[in-house]
Amino acid sequence: MSQERRSNDSVHWYMNELSSRIVADSGNPNDRFHLGKLILQSLRDGPDFTLQIDGATDEAESSGSVLERSIRCAIALRKKGLQKGDVLVLLAPNHIDLAIPFYAALYNGVVIAAVDRTLSIHELKATFFVDSPKLVFCQSEKASDVQIVINELELNTEIVTFDKGDYLCSLPEFLENYDDGTTVDEFKAEDFDPEDTVAFFIATSGTTGLPKAAAVTHKNIAITSPYLWCRSFNFPTPTRMAMIGSPIQWLTAIINFVASPILKYPRLQSSLTVTPEHAYHLINTYKPSFAIFSPTMMTTLMKPECRDQCDLSCFDIIMMGGSAVPLELVTEIKSVSPKTEVLNIYGMSELTGIAFYGDNPAPGSCGKPLGCFQYRLINVETQEDITEPNIPGELWMKSPGIFKEYYKNPEATADTFAEDRWFKTGDTFYRDDDWNFFFVERIKLLLKYKSNHISPVEVEAVIRHHPGVLDVAVTGIPDPECGDLAVALVVRKDGHEVNAEDIKDLVRETLSDGKQLRGGVIFVHEIPMTASTKVHRRKIKEMALEMDKE
């Protein structure tokens, strides 16, 4: 008989037991937030446990092997002179070797800057200009681009390739060249203050504006990440296997790379891009029990003509986040896999995890408040607190789990924090009488036609009701007299002949005059997504400006 999921303290009891042993050994109470020491102890506790699997190659690796290789890498980093606060860039797919410098950096207090491996030289230059990395781990095929950027910025940066390159040091050579004979039992993680020491630079806002690097500390992640599992009872191993669908630069991947050794659940990842076809293969082959998908990715997986290729019944939990989650999508997933719990989640890089969870959330809500956060809803116009239910306002949050700063960007940091370090999320929510929180809209995405505000999410929800529409994204194009003209990018369902007038008529019949599709309709084969499978709002805007509209 399976237990009903409900909020409980099991994950915190487990974390307290683990961290108590670490503090008893070191004598430093702050070590309970030291990610490197938490991971190191956990790997030592279960060396035979299968920690990671590359679903593209079927390679698997035990905790003991990861422990031995990551310790050798940490020693090599020290021999190369990397110290607390230095930056290490990871620029690679989610293969088996990726975790080795990842964990080594956390042992040493070195900052991990996971970077999108598809970036151009121009984009890499902008990123490296901010991060100033001392060492870059990448694939040999990307090494020449990285070297050009290093030369142009005149950085003292070395490159290590995961695979064998023509002239560069590979990861196996890196581990061998600097091996000093230290055993697994002798190795100790560096001592530092987890509250002040940055663990990650996480790219944020790249789809709606210029990218920023959110500096996230060890303590931030140590506080927030366990709450992802606050409705599980079984520890260690709260889930049989977690599938990682996003690349390492995104928070959903980072959290699982950190938590999987600590909580001892296998991590299914892939060195190939997780396309819908590859996702079907991973799910059918390995039967994962947990995953976080974007609504756009899930919509694609649920295409009527394709979804029979995949059996979703292996999942105990599917979480969806990154953009608004249509209720119809949740209902559709439940219809094909009734025993799977499908959850609408809300999180941000700056929050270092999810913002809500809770038992039996109301349909359409993101859940109820978590114990590690304080919450406020603020009237954007008056900057006053909203205390009544069902009135939307900007969500402000406060917690020791919220990120430290935007690295080398004091202006952006000052703009995003109100007095007393209340973090302004930039998102509009309302709550009901039972303290279920409902996402309304990203404030920066709101369009303004004359004196009317247009919510892209609201218009998208209307268009999705059309039986011939598979997916949709709404954006705006500028008009000198009116402000923004709403444009809908629409993906037709196979076999349906929906046209632009059908879409416009549906919006006209449903929404007020100020919310009409005055910018037109564009039919596309797919909605562009970021590497983490969120709707790529910047590309949507570019397409609306450049493509012919009906």
Protein backbone atom coordinates (compact mmCIF):
# COMPACT_ATOMS: atom_id res chain seq x y z
CA MET A 1 0.00 0.00 0.00
CA SER A 2 1.48 3.36 -1.02
CA GLN A 3 1.50 6.24 1.42
CA GLU A 4 -0.48 9.36 0.67
CA ARG A 5 1.91 12.21 -0.04
CA ARG A 6 1.63 15.04 2.44
CA SER A 7 3.99 17.64 3.83
CA ASN A 8 6.22 16.28 6.57
CA ASP A 9 9.67 16.71 8.11
CA SER A 10 11.28 13.46 6.92
CA VAL A 11 13.75 15.15 4.57
CA HIS A 12 14.82 17.57 7.31
CA TRP A 13 15.32 14.74 9.83
CA TYR A 14 17.51 13.01 7.26
CA MET A 15 19.50 16.17 6.52
CA ASN A 16 19.91 16.90 10.25
CA GLU A 17 21.29 13.41 10.88
CA LEU A 18 23.77 13.73 8.01
CA SER A 19 24.89 17.26 8.84
CA SER A 20 25.18 16.43 12.57
CA ARG A 21 27.81 13.81 11.79
CA ILE A 22 29.75 16.31 9.68
CA VAL A 23 29.59 19.02 12.38
CA ALA A 24 30.59 16.50 15.08
CA ASP A 25 33.71 15.68 13.07
CA SER A 26 34.68 19.26 12.19
CA GLY A 27 33.40 21.16 15.22
CA ASN A 28 32.06 23.89 12.92
CA PRO A 29 28.25 24.38 13.13
CA ASN A 30 28.19 26.15 9.74
CA ASP A 31 29.35 22.97 8.02
CA ARG A 32 25.74 21.82 7.90
CA PHE A 33 25.43 24.19 4.90
CA HIS A 34 28.73 23.19 3.22
CA LEU A 35 27.61 21.45 0.02
CA GLY A 36 31.05 19.96 -0.57
CA LYS A 37 31.17 18.30 2.83
CA LEU A 38 27.56 17.09 2.56
CA ILE A 39 28.27 15.48 -0.81
CA LEU A 40 31.64 14.07 0.25
CA GLN A 41 30.16 12.35 3.32
CA SER A 42 27.20 11.02 1.32
CA LEU A 43 29.40 9.51 -1.38
CA ARG A 44 31.48 7.81 1.33
CA ASP A 45 28.35 6.45 3.01
CA GLY A 46 27.16 4.51 -0.07
CA PRO A 47 30.04 3.73 -2.44
CA ASP A 48 28.21 0.89 -4.24
CA PHE A 49 25.14 2.98 -5.04
CA THR A 50 24.51 3.69 -8.76
CA LEU A 51 24.55 7.46 -8.82
CA GLN A 52 24.43 8.47 -12.48
CA ILE A 53 23.44 7.02 -15.85
CA ASP A 54 24.02 8.47 -19.31
CA GLY A 55 20.94 7.35 -21.21
CA ALA A 56 22.58 8.08 -24.56
CA THR A 57 25.43 5.61 -24.03
CA ASP A 58 24.03 3.39 -21.22
CA GLU A 59 27.12 4.20 -19.13
CA ALA A 60 26.56 4.06 -15.38
CA GLU A 61 28.79 5.07 -12.49
CA SER A 62 28.71 4.29 -8.78
CA SER A 63 29.09 6.76 -5.94
CA GLY A 64 32.43 5.17 -5.09
CA SER A 65 33.81 5.82 -8.56
CA VAL A 66 32.50 9.39 -8.56
CA LEU A 67 34.04 9.89 -5.11
CA GLU A 68 37.48 8.69 -6.19
CA ARG A 69 37.55 10.69 -9.45
CA SER A 70 36.13 13.90 -7.92
CA ILE A 71 38.69 13.81 -5.10
CA ARG A 72 41.52 13.44 -7.62
CA CYS A 73 40.05 16.37 -9.55
CA ALA A 74 39.82 18.48 -6.39
CA ILE A 75 43.49 17.79 -5.67
CA ALA A 76 44.37 18.73 -9.25
CA LEU A 77 42.45 22.01 -8.90
CA ARG A 78 44.45 22.81 -5.77
CA LYS A 79 47.72 21.96 -7.54
CA LYS A 80 46.72 24.37 -10.33
CA GLY A 81 46.31 27.08 -7.70
CA LEU A 82 42.51 27.46 -7.74
CA GLN A 83 41.24 28.81 -4.43
CA LYS A 84 37.94 29.74 -2.81
CA GLY A 85 36.15 32.26 -4.97
CA ASP A 86 37.97 31.42 -8.20
CA VAL A 87 35.68 30.53 -11.09
CA LEU A 88 35.53 27.26 -13.00
CA VAL A 89 33.43 27.09 -16.20
CA LEU A 90 31.60 23.93 -17.29
CA LEU A 91 30.74 23.96 -21.00
CA ALA A 92 29.55 20.48 -21.87
CA PRO A 93 26.57 18.14 -22.19
CA ASN A 94 25.31 16.00 -19.31
CA HIS A 95 27.73 13.10 -19.76
CA ILE A 96 29.21 10.95 -17.01
CA ASP A 97 32.36 13.09 -16.62
CA LEU A 98 30.50 16.35 -16.01
CA ALA A 99 29.91 15.63 -12.32
CA ILE A 100 33.61 15.18 -11.58
CA PRO A 101 34.78 18.84 -11.72
CA PHE A 102 31.30 19.84 -10.48
CA TYR A 103 31.76 18.06 -7.14
CA ALA A 104 35.49 18.87 -6.97
CA ALA A 105 34.72 22.59 -7.15
CA LEU A 106 32.20 22.30 -4.31
CA TYR A 107 34.77 20.53 -2.11
CA ASN A 108 37.19 23.44 -2.64
CA GLY A 109 34.89 26.47 -2.56
CA VAL A 110 35.52 27.16 -6.24
CA VAL A 111 32.61 28.83 -8.05
CA ILE A 112 30.90 26.78 -10.76
CA ALA A 113 29.76 28.77 -13.79
CA ALA A 114 27.83 26.34 -15.97
CA VAL A 115 27.56 27.90 -19.43
CA ASP A 116 25.35 27.09 -22.40
CA ARG A 117 27.58 25.14 -24.82
CA THR A 118 25.68 26.49 -27.83
CA LEU A 119 26.75 30.09 -27.23
CA SER A 120 28.53 31.91 -30.03
CA ILE A 121 32.00 33.43 -29.63
CA HIS A 122 30.38 36.84 -29.12
CA GLU A 123 28.10 35.49 -26.38
CA LEU A 124 30.92 33.56 -24.73
CA LYS A 125 33.01 36.71 -24.67
CA ALA A 126 30.27 38.60 -22.80
CA THR A 127 29.98 35.73 -20.31
CA PHE A 128 33.71 35.29 -19.71
CA PHE A 129 34.14 39.05 -19.36
CA VAL A 130 31.93 38.87 -16.26
CA ASP A 131 32.99 35.48 -14.88
CA SER A 132 36.80 35.74 -15.49
CA PRO A 133 37.28 31.95 -15.19
CA LYS A 134 40.57 30.43 -14.13
CA LEU A 135 39.77 27.07 -15.73
CA VAL A 136 37.33 25.88 -18.42
CA PHE A 137 36.17 22.28 -18.83
CA CYS A 138 34.66 21.71 -22.28
CA GLN A 139 34.45 19.36 -25.24
CA SER A 140 37.35 19.52 -27.69
CA GLU A 141 35.01 20.72 -30.45
CA LYS A 142 34.33 23.90 -28.43
CA ALA A 143 37.92 24.46 -27.32
CA SER A 144 38.90 26.64 -30.29
CA ASP A 145 36.03 29.07 -29.61
CA VAL A 146 36.97 29.19 -25.94
CA GLN A 147 40.62 29.86 -26.81
CA ILE A 148 39.66 32.76 -29.10
CA VAL A 149 37.64 34.34 -26.27
CA ILE A 150 40.47 33.83 -23.77
CA ASN A 151 42.95 35.47 -26.15
CA GLU A 152 40.68 38.43 -26.95
CA LEU A 153 40.00 39.10 -23.27
CA GLU A 154 43.65 38.45 -22.34
CA LEU A 155 42.61 36.07 -19.56
CA ASN A 156 44.98 33.76 -17.72
CA THR A 157 42.64 30.81 -18.25
CA GLU A 158 43.48 27.17 -18.98
CA ILE A 159 41.34 24.67 -20.87
CA VAL A 160 40.75 21.02 -19.97
CA THR A 161 38.78 18.91 -22.44
CA PHE A 162 36.49 16.10 -21.38
CA ASP A 163 37.42 14.19 -24.52
CA LYS A 164 40.85 13.89 -26.12
CA GLY A 165 41.92 16.96 -28.08
CA ASP A 166 44.90 17.50 -30.35
CA TYR A 167 47.01 19.52 -27.97
CA LEU A 168 44.98 20.27 -24.84
CA CYS A 169 45.00 18.41 -21.55
CA SER A 170 42.11 15.94 -21.26
CA LEU A 171 40.27 15.16 -18.03
CA PRO A 172 41.96 11.74 -17.54
CA GLU A 173 45.37 13.37 -18.05
CA PHE A 174 44.40 16.20 -15.69
CA LEU A 175 43.53 13.70 -12.95
CA GLU A 176 46.69 11.67 -13.52
CA ASN A 177 49.18 14.53 -13.88
CA TYR A 178 48.35 16.07 -10.52
CA ASP A 179 47.71 12.93 -8.46
CA ASP A 180 49.74 13.26 -5.24
CA GLY A 181 48.81 9.92 -3.72
CA THR A 182 46.18 11.24 -1.30
CA THR A 183 43.72 8.45 -0.51
CA VAL A 184 39.93 8.75 -0.45
CA ASP A 185 39.95 8.43 3.35
CA GLU A 186 42.67 11.07 3.80
CA PHE A 187 41.07 13.77 1.65
CA LYS A 188 39.29 16.65 3.37
CA ALA A 189 37.18 19.39 1.85
CA GLU A 190 38.35 22.97 2.31
CA ASP A 191 37.02 24.97 5.25
CA PHE A 192 35.06 28.14 4.41
CA ASP A 193 31.92 30.05 5.42
CA PRO A 194 29.00 28.53 3.42
CA GLU A 195 26.89 31.63 3.97
CA ASP A 196 29.37 33.87 2.20
CA THR A 197 30.99 31.43 -0.26
CA VAL A 198 29.41 31.36 -3.73
CA ALA A 199 28.78 27.88 -5.13
CA PHE A 200 27.26 28.78 -8.52
CA PHE A 201 26.82 31.53 -11.04
CA ILE A 202 23.44 30.77 -12.62
CA ALA A 203 22.49 32.56 -15.83
CA THR A 204 19.14 34.32 -15.57
CA SER A 205 16.92 36.61 -17.66
CA GLY A 206 18.61 35.61 -20.90
CA THR A 207 15.31 35.09 -22.73
CA THR A 208 13.78 38.48 -21.87
CA GLY A 209 16.79 40.77 -21.59
CA LEU A 210 20.54 40.82 -21.09
CA PRO A 211 21.79 37.78 -19.14
CA LYS A 212 22.87 38.21 -15.54
CA ALA A 213 24.80 35.85 -13.27
CA ALA A 214 22.92 35.08 -10.06
CA ALA A 215 25.54 34.37 -7.38
CA VAL A 216 24.16 31.50 -5.30
CA THR A 217 25.90 30.46 -2.08
CA HIS A 218 26.34 27.03 -0.51
CA LYS A 219 23.91 27.99 2.25
CA ASN A 220 21.28 29.18 -0.24
CA ILE A 221 21.10 25.76 -1.91
CA ALA A 222 21.46 23.80 1.34
CA ILE A 223 18.40 25.56 2.78
CA THR A 224 16.05 25.47 -0.21
CA SER A 225 16.80 22.25 -2.14
CA PRO A 226 15.48 19.76 0.47
CA TYR A 227 12.02 21.35 0.19
CA LEU A 228 11.63 19.76 -3.26
CA TRP A 229 11.21 16.50 -1.33
CA CYS A 230 9.14 17.73 1.64
CA ARG A 231 6.19 15.49 0.73
CA SER A 232 8.24 12.29 0.61
CA PHE A 233 8.69 9.86 3.48
CA ASN A 234 11.47 7.55 2.33
CA PHE A 235 15.03 8.69 3.01
CA PRO A 236 17.49 8.02 1.65
CA THR A 237 16.14 7.48 -1.89
CA PRO A 238 12.87 9.46 -1.96
CA THR A 239 12.38 8.47 -5.61
CA ARG A 240 13.50 5.46 -7.64
CA MET A 241 15.14 7.48 -10.43
CA ALA A 242 15.11 11.16 -11.44
CA MET A 243 15.28 12.13 -15.11
CA ILE A 244 17.24 15.31 -15.90
CA GLY A 245 15.86 16.99 -19.01
CA SER A 246 17.70 20.31 -18.89
CA PRO A 247 21.41 21.11 -19.38
CA ILE A 248 23.66 21.84 -16.43
CA GLN A 249 23.41 25.64 -16.65
CA TRP A 250 19.79 25.53 -15.46
CA LEU A 251 18.68 25.35 -11.83
CA THR A 252 16.61 22.19 -12.30
CA ALA A 253 19.74 20.27 -13.34
CA ILE A 254 21.98 21.88 -10.70
CA ILE A 255 19.60 20.96 -7.87
CA ASN A 256 19.52 17.32 -8.95
CA PHE A 257 23.30 17.13 -9.38
CA VAL A 258 23.62 18.40 -5.79
CA ALA A 259 20.77 16.43 -4.20
CA SER A 260 21.15 13.04 -5.88
CA PRO A 261 24.33 11.97 -4.01
CA ILE A 262 23.07 13.45 -0.74
CA LEU A 263 19.61 11.83 -0.87
CA LYS A 264 20.89 8.77 -2.77
CA TYR A 265 18.63 8.60 -5.78
CA PRO A 266 19.91 7.60 -9.25
CA ARG A 267 20.21 10.43 -11.75
CA LEU A 268 19.27 9.68 -15.37
CA GLN A 269 20.87 12.22 -17.69
CA SER A 270 21.99 12.24 -21.30
CA SER A 271 24.96 13.43 -23.30
CA LEU A 272 22.52 14.06 -26.16
CA THR A 273 20.05 16.92 -26.33
CA VAL A 274 16.76 15.72 -24.86
CA THR A 275 14.49 16.05 -27.88
CA PRO A 276 10.97 14.59 -27.66
CA GLU A 277 12.16 11.48 -29.51
CA HIS A 278 15.09 11.01 -27.16
CA ALA A 279 12.85 11.66 -24.15
CA TYR A 280 10.57 8.83 -25.31
CA HIS A 281 13.61 6.54 -25.51
CA LEU A 282 14.87 7.48 -22.04
CA ILE A 283 11.46 7.03 -20.44
CA ASN A 284 10.71 3.72 -22.14
CA THR A 285 14.17 2.31 -21.45
CA TYR A 286 14.83 3.42 -17.88
CA LYS A 287 11.35 4.02 -16.42
CA PRO A 288 12.23 7.10 -14.33
CA SER A 289 9.92 7.95 -11.46
CA PHE A 290 10.49 11.73 -11.21
CA ALA A 291 11.05 14.56 -13.68
CA ILE A 292 10.66 18.30 -14.10
CA PHE A 293 9.47 19.39 -17.55
CA SER A 294 8.40 22.69 -19.05
CA PRO A 295 4.76 22.95 -20.22
CA THR A 296 6.04 23.39 -23.78
CA MET A 297 8.10 20.19 -23.65
CA MET A 298 5.22 18.31 -22.04
CA THR A 299 2.78 19.58 -24.68
CA THR A 300 5.07 18.20 -27.37
CA LEU A 301 5.40 14.84 -25.61
CA MET A 302 1.61 14.68 -25.34
CA LYS A 303 0.90 15.15 -29.05
CA PRO A 304 -2.00 12.77 -29.80
CA GLU A 305 -0.22 11.27 -32.79
CA CYS A 306 2.99 10.65 -30.81
CA ARG A 307 2.24 10.03 -27.15
CA ASP A 308 1.53 6.32 -27.62
CA GLN A 309 5.27 5.98 -28.27
CA CYS A 310 5.86 6.49 -24.56
CA ASP A 311 4.44 5.01 -21.35
CA LEU A 312 4.30 7.72 -18.69
CA SER A 313 2.92 5.40 -16.01
CA CYS A 314 6.45 4.89 -14.63
CA PHE A 315 6.36 8.41 -13.17
CA ASP A 316 5.25 8.91 -9.60
CA ILE A 317 5.65 12.67 -9.97
CA ILE A 318 5.88 15.00 -12.94
CA MET A 319 6.53 18.62 -12.10
CA MET A 320 5.99 21.38 -14.65
CA GLY A 321 7.33 24.91 -14.41
CA GLY A 322 9.14 27.69 -16.22
CA SER A 323 5.96 29.20 -17.69
CA ALA A 324 2.22 29.10 -17.12
CA VAL A 325 0.85 25.55 -16.92
CA PRO A 326 -2.51 25.08 -18.72
CA LEU A 327 -5.04 23.12 -16.67
CA GLU A 328 -5.99 21.22 -19.81
CA LEU A 329 -2.43 19.88 -20.06
CA VAL A 330 -2.51 18.61 -16.47
CA THR A 331 -5.85 16.91 -17.16
CA GLU A 332 -4.51 15.35 -20.35
CA ILE A 333 -1.45 13.88 -18.59
CA LYS A 334 -3.65 12.46 -15.84
CA SER A 335 -5.89 10.86 -18.46
CA VAL A 336 -3.02 8.78 -19.86
CA SER A 337 -1.28 8.16 -16.51
CA PRO A 338 -3.87 8.38 -13.71
CA LYS A 339 -1.51 7.35 -10.90
CA THR A 340 1.07 10.05 -11.72
CA GLU A 341 0.97 13.14 -9.53
CA VAL A 342 1.20 16.16 -11.84
CA LEU A 343 2.27 19.38 -10.14
CA ASN A 344 2.41 22.99 -11.28
CA ILE A 345 5.55 24.45 -9.70
CA TYR A 346 7.06 27.92 -9.58
CA GLY A 347 10.74 28.55 -9.02
CA MET A 348 13.54 30.92 -10.00
CA SER A 349 17.31 30.88 -10.10
CA GLU A 350 17.27 33.75 -7.60
CA LEU A 351 15.11 31.72 -5.20
CA THR A 352 17.52 28.75 -5.62
CA GLY A 353 14.57 26.36 -5.69
CA ILE A 354 10.81 26.14 -5.71
CA ALA A 355 8.67 28.79 -4.00
CA PHE A 356 5.54 26.78 -3.20
CA TYR A 357 4.47 23.22 -2.59
CA GLY A 358 1.98 21.71 -0.19
CA ASP A 359 -0.84 19.21 0.03
CA ASN A 360 -3.81 19.09 -2.33
CA PRO A 361 -3.14 22.43 -4.03
CA ALA A 362 -6.15 24.02 -5.70
CA PRO A 363 -6.40 23.33 -9.45
CA GLY A 364 -4.27 25.82 -11.34
CA SER A 365 -2.30 26.96 -8.30
CA CYS A 366 1.43 26.60 -7.66
CA GLY A 367 0.78 25.40 -4.13
CA LYS A 368 1.03 26.80 -0.64
CA PRO A 369 3.84 28.65 1.18
CA LEU A 370 7.01 26.82 2.22
CA GLY A 371 8.53 27.14 5.66
CA CYS A 372 11.82 28.56 4.39
CA PHE A 373 10.27 31.72 2.88
CA GLN A 374 8.33 34.81 3.92
CA TYR A 375 5.82 36.14 1.38
CA ARG A 376 4.23 39.47 0.47
CA LEU A 377 1.97 40.60 -2.37
CA ILE A 378 2.56 44.23 -3.32
CA ASN A 379 0.40 46.65 -5.27
CA VAL A 380 2.71 47.68 -8.11
CA GLU A 381 1.22 51.18 -8.36
CA THR A 382 1.07 52.11 -4.65
CA GLN A 383 3.83 49.79 -3.33
CA GLU A 384 1.49 48.85 -0.48
CA ASP A 385 0.86 45.35 0.83
CA ILE A 386 -2.19 43.45 -0.39
CA THR A 387 -3.76 41.61 2.53
CA GLU A 388 -7.03 40.43 1.00
CA PRO A 389 -7.42 37.23 -1.06
CA ASN A 390 -8.00 37.14 -4.82
CA ILE A 391 -6.28 40.48 -5.51
CA PRO A 392 -3.20 40.24 -7.75
CA GLY A 393 0.08 41.88 -6.87
CA GLU A 394 3.82 41.46 -7.32
CA LEU A 395 5.23 38.61 -5.25
CA TRP A 396 8.01 39.62 -2.84
CA MET A 397 9.91 36.99 -0.87
CA LYS A 398 12.51 36.84 1.86
CA SER A 399 14.74 33.99 3.05
CA PRO A 400 18.35 33.05 3.78
CA GLY A 401 17.87 30.74 0.79
CA ILE A 402 17.52 33.62 -1.68
CA PHE A 403 20.57 34.33 -3.84
CA LYS A 404 23.35 36.66 -2.71
CA GLU A 405 23.62 39.10 -5.64
CA TYR A 406 23.96 39.55 -9.38
CA TYR A 407 27.69 39.12 -9.81
CA LYS A 408 29.48 42.36 -10.78
CA ASN A 409 26.11 44.02 -11.32
CA PRO A 410 25.33 46.17 -8.27
CA GLU A 411 22.69 48.19 -10.15
CA ALA A 412 20.63 45.10 -11.00
CA THR A 413 21.10 43.80 -7.44
CA ALA A 414 19.86 47.07 -5.96
CA ASP A 415 16.87 47.12 -8.32
CA THR A 416 15.72 43.62 -7.40
CA PHE A 417 15.92 43.96 -3.60
CA ALA A 418 13.61 46.21 -1.59
CA GLU A 419 14.38 47.42 1.92
CA ASP A 420 15.41 44.70 4.38
CA ARG A 421 16.39 42.38 1.46
CA TRP A 422 12.88 41.59 0.26
CA PHE A 423 13.35 40.06 -3.20
CA LYS A 424 11.03 41.41 -5.89
CA THR A 425 10.23 38.45 -8.15
CA GLY A 426 8.80 40.54 -11.00
CA ASP A 427 5.85 38.12 -11.19
CA THR A 428 2.20 38.79 -10.43
CA PHE A 429 0.32 36.36 -8.18
CA TYR A 430 -2.87 36.24 -6.14
CA ARG A 431 -3.83 33.92 -3.30
CA ASP A 432 -7.13 32.37 -2.33
CA ASP A 433 -8.66 32.03 1.14
CA ASP A 434 -6.71 28.80 1.73
CA TRP A 435 -3.36 30.42 0.84
CA ASN A 436 -3.01 28.68 -2.50
CA PHE A 437 -0.93 30.97 -4.73
CA PHE A 438 -1.82 31.43 -8.40
CA PHE A 439 0.62 32.72 -11.02
CA VAL A 440 -0.87 35.48 -13.18
CA GLU A 441 1.86 36.98 -15.34
CA ARG A 442 5.48 38.01 -15.64
CA ILE A 443 5.32 41.79 -15.20
CA LYS A 444 7.98 42.42 -17.86
CA LEU A 445 6.01 40.34 -20.37
CA LEU A 446 2.82 42.38 -20.02
CA LEU A 447 1.90 44.20 -23.20
CA LYS A 448 0.26 47.60 -23.26
CA TYR A 449 -2.12 48.54 -26.06
CA LYS A 450 -3.08 52.20 -25.54
CA SER A 451 -4.33 52.19 -21.94
CA ASN A 452 -5.01 48.44 -21.86
CA HIS A 453 -2.72 45.82 -20.34
CA ILE A 454 -2.59 42.55 -22.28
CA SER A 455 -1.52 39.38 -20.51
CA PRO A 456 0.11 36.98 -23.02
CA VAL A 457 -0.74 34.11 -20.68
CA GLU A 458 -4.44 35.03 -20.71
CA VAL A 459 -4.58 35.23 -24.51
CA GLU A 460 -2.60 31.99 -24.84
CA ALA A 461 -5.07 30.22 -22.56
CA VAL A 462 -7.97 31.29 -24.79
CA ILE A 463 -6.27 30.18 -28.01
CA ARG A 464 -5.36 26.78 -26.54
CA HIS A 465 -9.07 26.00 -26.26
CA HIS A 466 -9.30 25.81 -30.05
CA PRO A 467 -9.46 22.11 -31.02
CA GLY A 468 -7.01 22.67 -33.86
CA VAL A 469 -4.27 24.28 -31.73
CA LEU A 470 -1.43 22.22 -30.27
CA ASP A 471 0.61 25.07 -28.77
CA VAL A 472 0.76 28.86 -28.80
CA ALA A 473 2.89 31.76 -27.61
CA VAL A 474 1.79 35.40 -27.60
CA THR A 475 4.09 38.41 -27.78
CA GLY A 476 3.91 42.00 -28.98
CA ILE A 477 5.31 44.13 -31.77
CA PRO A 478 5.84 47.87 -31.22
CA ASP A 479 3.47 50.44 -32.70
CA PRO A 480 4.34 54.16 -32.49
CA GLU A 481 0.73 55.21 -31.80
CA CYS A 482 -0.70 52.32 -29.80
CA GLY A 483 2.22 50.79 -27.89
CA ASP A 484 2.13 46.99 -28.33
CA LEU A 485 0.18 44.99 -30.90
CA ALA A 486 -0.45 41.40 -29.78
CA VAL A 487 0.79 38.63 -32.08
CA ALA A 488 0.06 34.91 -31.68
CA LEU A 489 2.49 32.24 -32.86
CA VAL A 490 0.41 29.09 -33.29
CA VAL A 491 1.28 25.42 -33.82
CA ARG A 492 -1.52 23.51 -35.53
CA LYS A 493 -2.47 19.98 -34.55
CA ASP A 494 -1.85 17.48 -37.32
CA GLY A 495 -4.87 17.07 -39.55
CA HIS A 496 -6.52 20.38 -38.59
CA GLU A 497 -7.05 23.27 -41.01
CA VAL A 498 -7.34 26.12 -38.52
CA ASN A 499 -6.60 29.53 -40.06
CA ALA A 500 -5.77 33.01 -38.75
CA GLU A 501 -9.37 34.22 -38.80
CA ASP A 502 -10.43 31.25 -36.68
CA ILE A 503 -7.88 32.26 -34.05
CA LYS A 504 -8.79 35.94 -34.18
CA ASP A 505 -12.51 35.17 -33.98
CA LEU A 506 -12.00 33.02 -30.88
CA VAL A 507 -10.08 35.82 -29.12
CA ARG A 508 -12.65 38.39 -30.29
CA GLU A 509 -15.51 36.33 -28.86
CA THR A 510 -13.76 35.75 -25.55
CA LEU A 511 -11.72 38.81 -24.60
CA SER A 512 -12.26 42.55 -24.53
CA ASP A 513 -11.39 44.85 -27.42
CA GLY A 514 -8.07 45.97 -25.89
CA LYS A 515 -6.74 42.37 -25.91
CA GLN A 516 -7.25 41.52 -29.58
CA LEU A 517 -4.61 40.14 -31.94
CA ARG A 518 -4.00 43.39 -33.80
CA GLY A 519 -0.47 42.26 -34.68
CA GLY A 520 -1.77 39.14 -36.45
CA VAL A 521 -1.22 35.38 -36.34
CA ILE A 522 1.86 33.43 -37.42
CA PHE A 523 1.68 29.68 -37.96
CA VAL A 524 4.88 27.85 -37.01
CA HIS A 525 5.96 24.22 -36.81
CA GLU A 526 7.06 24.55 -33.19
CA ILE A 527 7.40 27.10 -30.41
CA PRO A 528 11.10 27.91 -29.88
CA MET A 529 12.42 26.84 -26.52
CA THR A 530 15.48 27.59 -24.42
CA ALA A 531 17.88 24.79 -23.54
CA SER A 532 15.83 24.22 -20.38
CA THR A 533 12.68 23.87 -22.56
CA LYS A 534 11.06 27.12 -21.46
CA VAL A 535 9.38 29.26 -24.10
CA HIS A 536 12.18 31.37 -25.59
CA ARG A 537 10.51 34.76 -25.27
CA ARG A 538 13.29 36.68 -26.99
CA LYS A 539 13.16 34.45 -30.07
CA ILE A 540 9.37 34.68 -30.07
CA LYS A 541 9.69 38.45 -30.21
CA GLU A 542 12.24 38.25 -33.04
CA MET A 543 10.01 35.92 -35.06
CA ALA A 544 7.02 38.21 -34.59
CA LEU A 545 9.04 41.13 -35.91
CA GLU A 546 10.54 39.30 -38.89
CA MET A 547 7.92 36.82 -40.14
CA ASP A 548 4.85 37.46 -42.27
CA LYS A 549 1.67 37.77 -40.24
CA GLU A 550 -1.89 36.89 -41.23
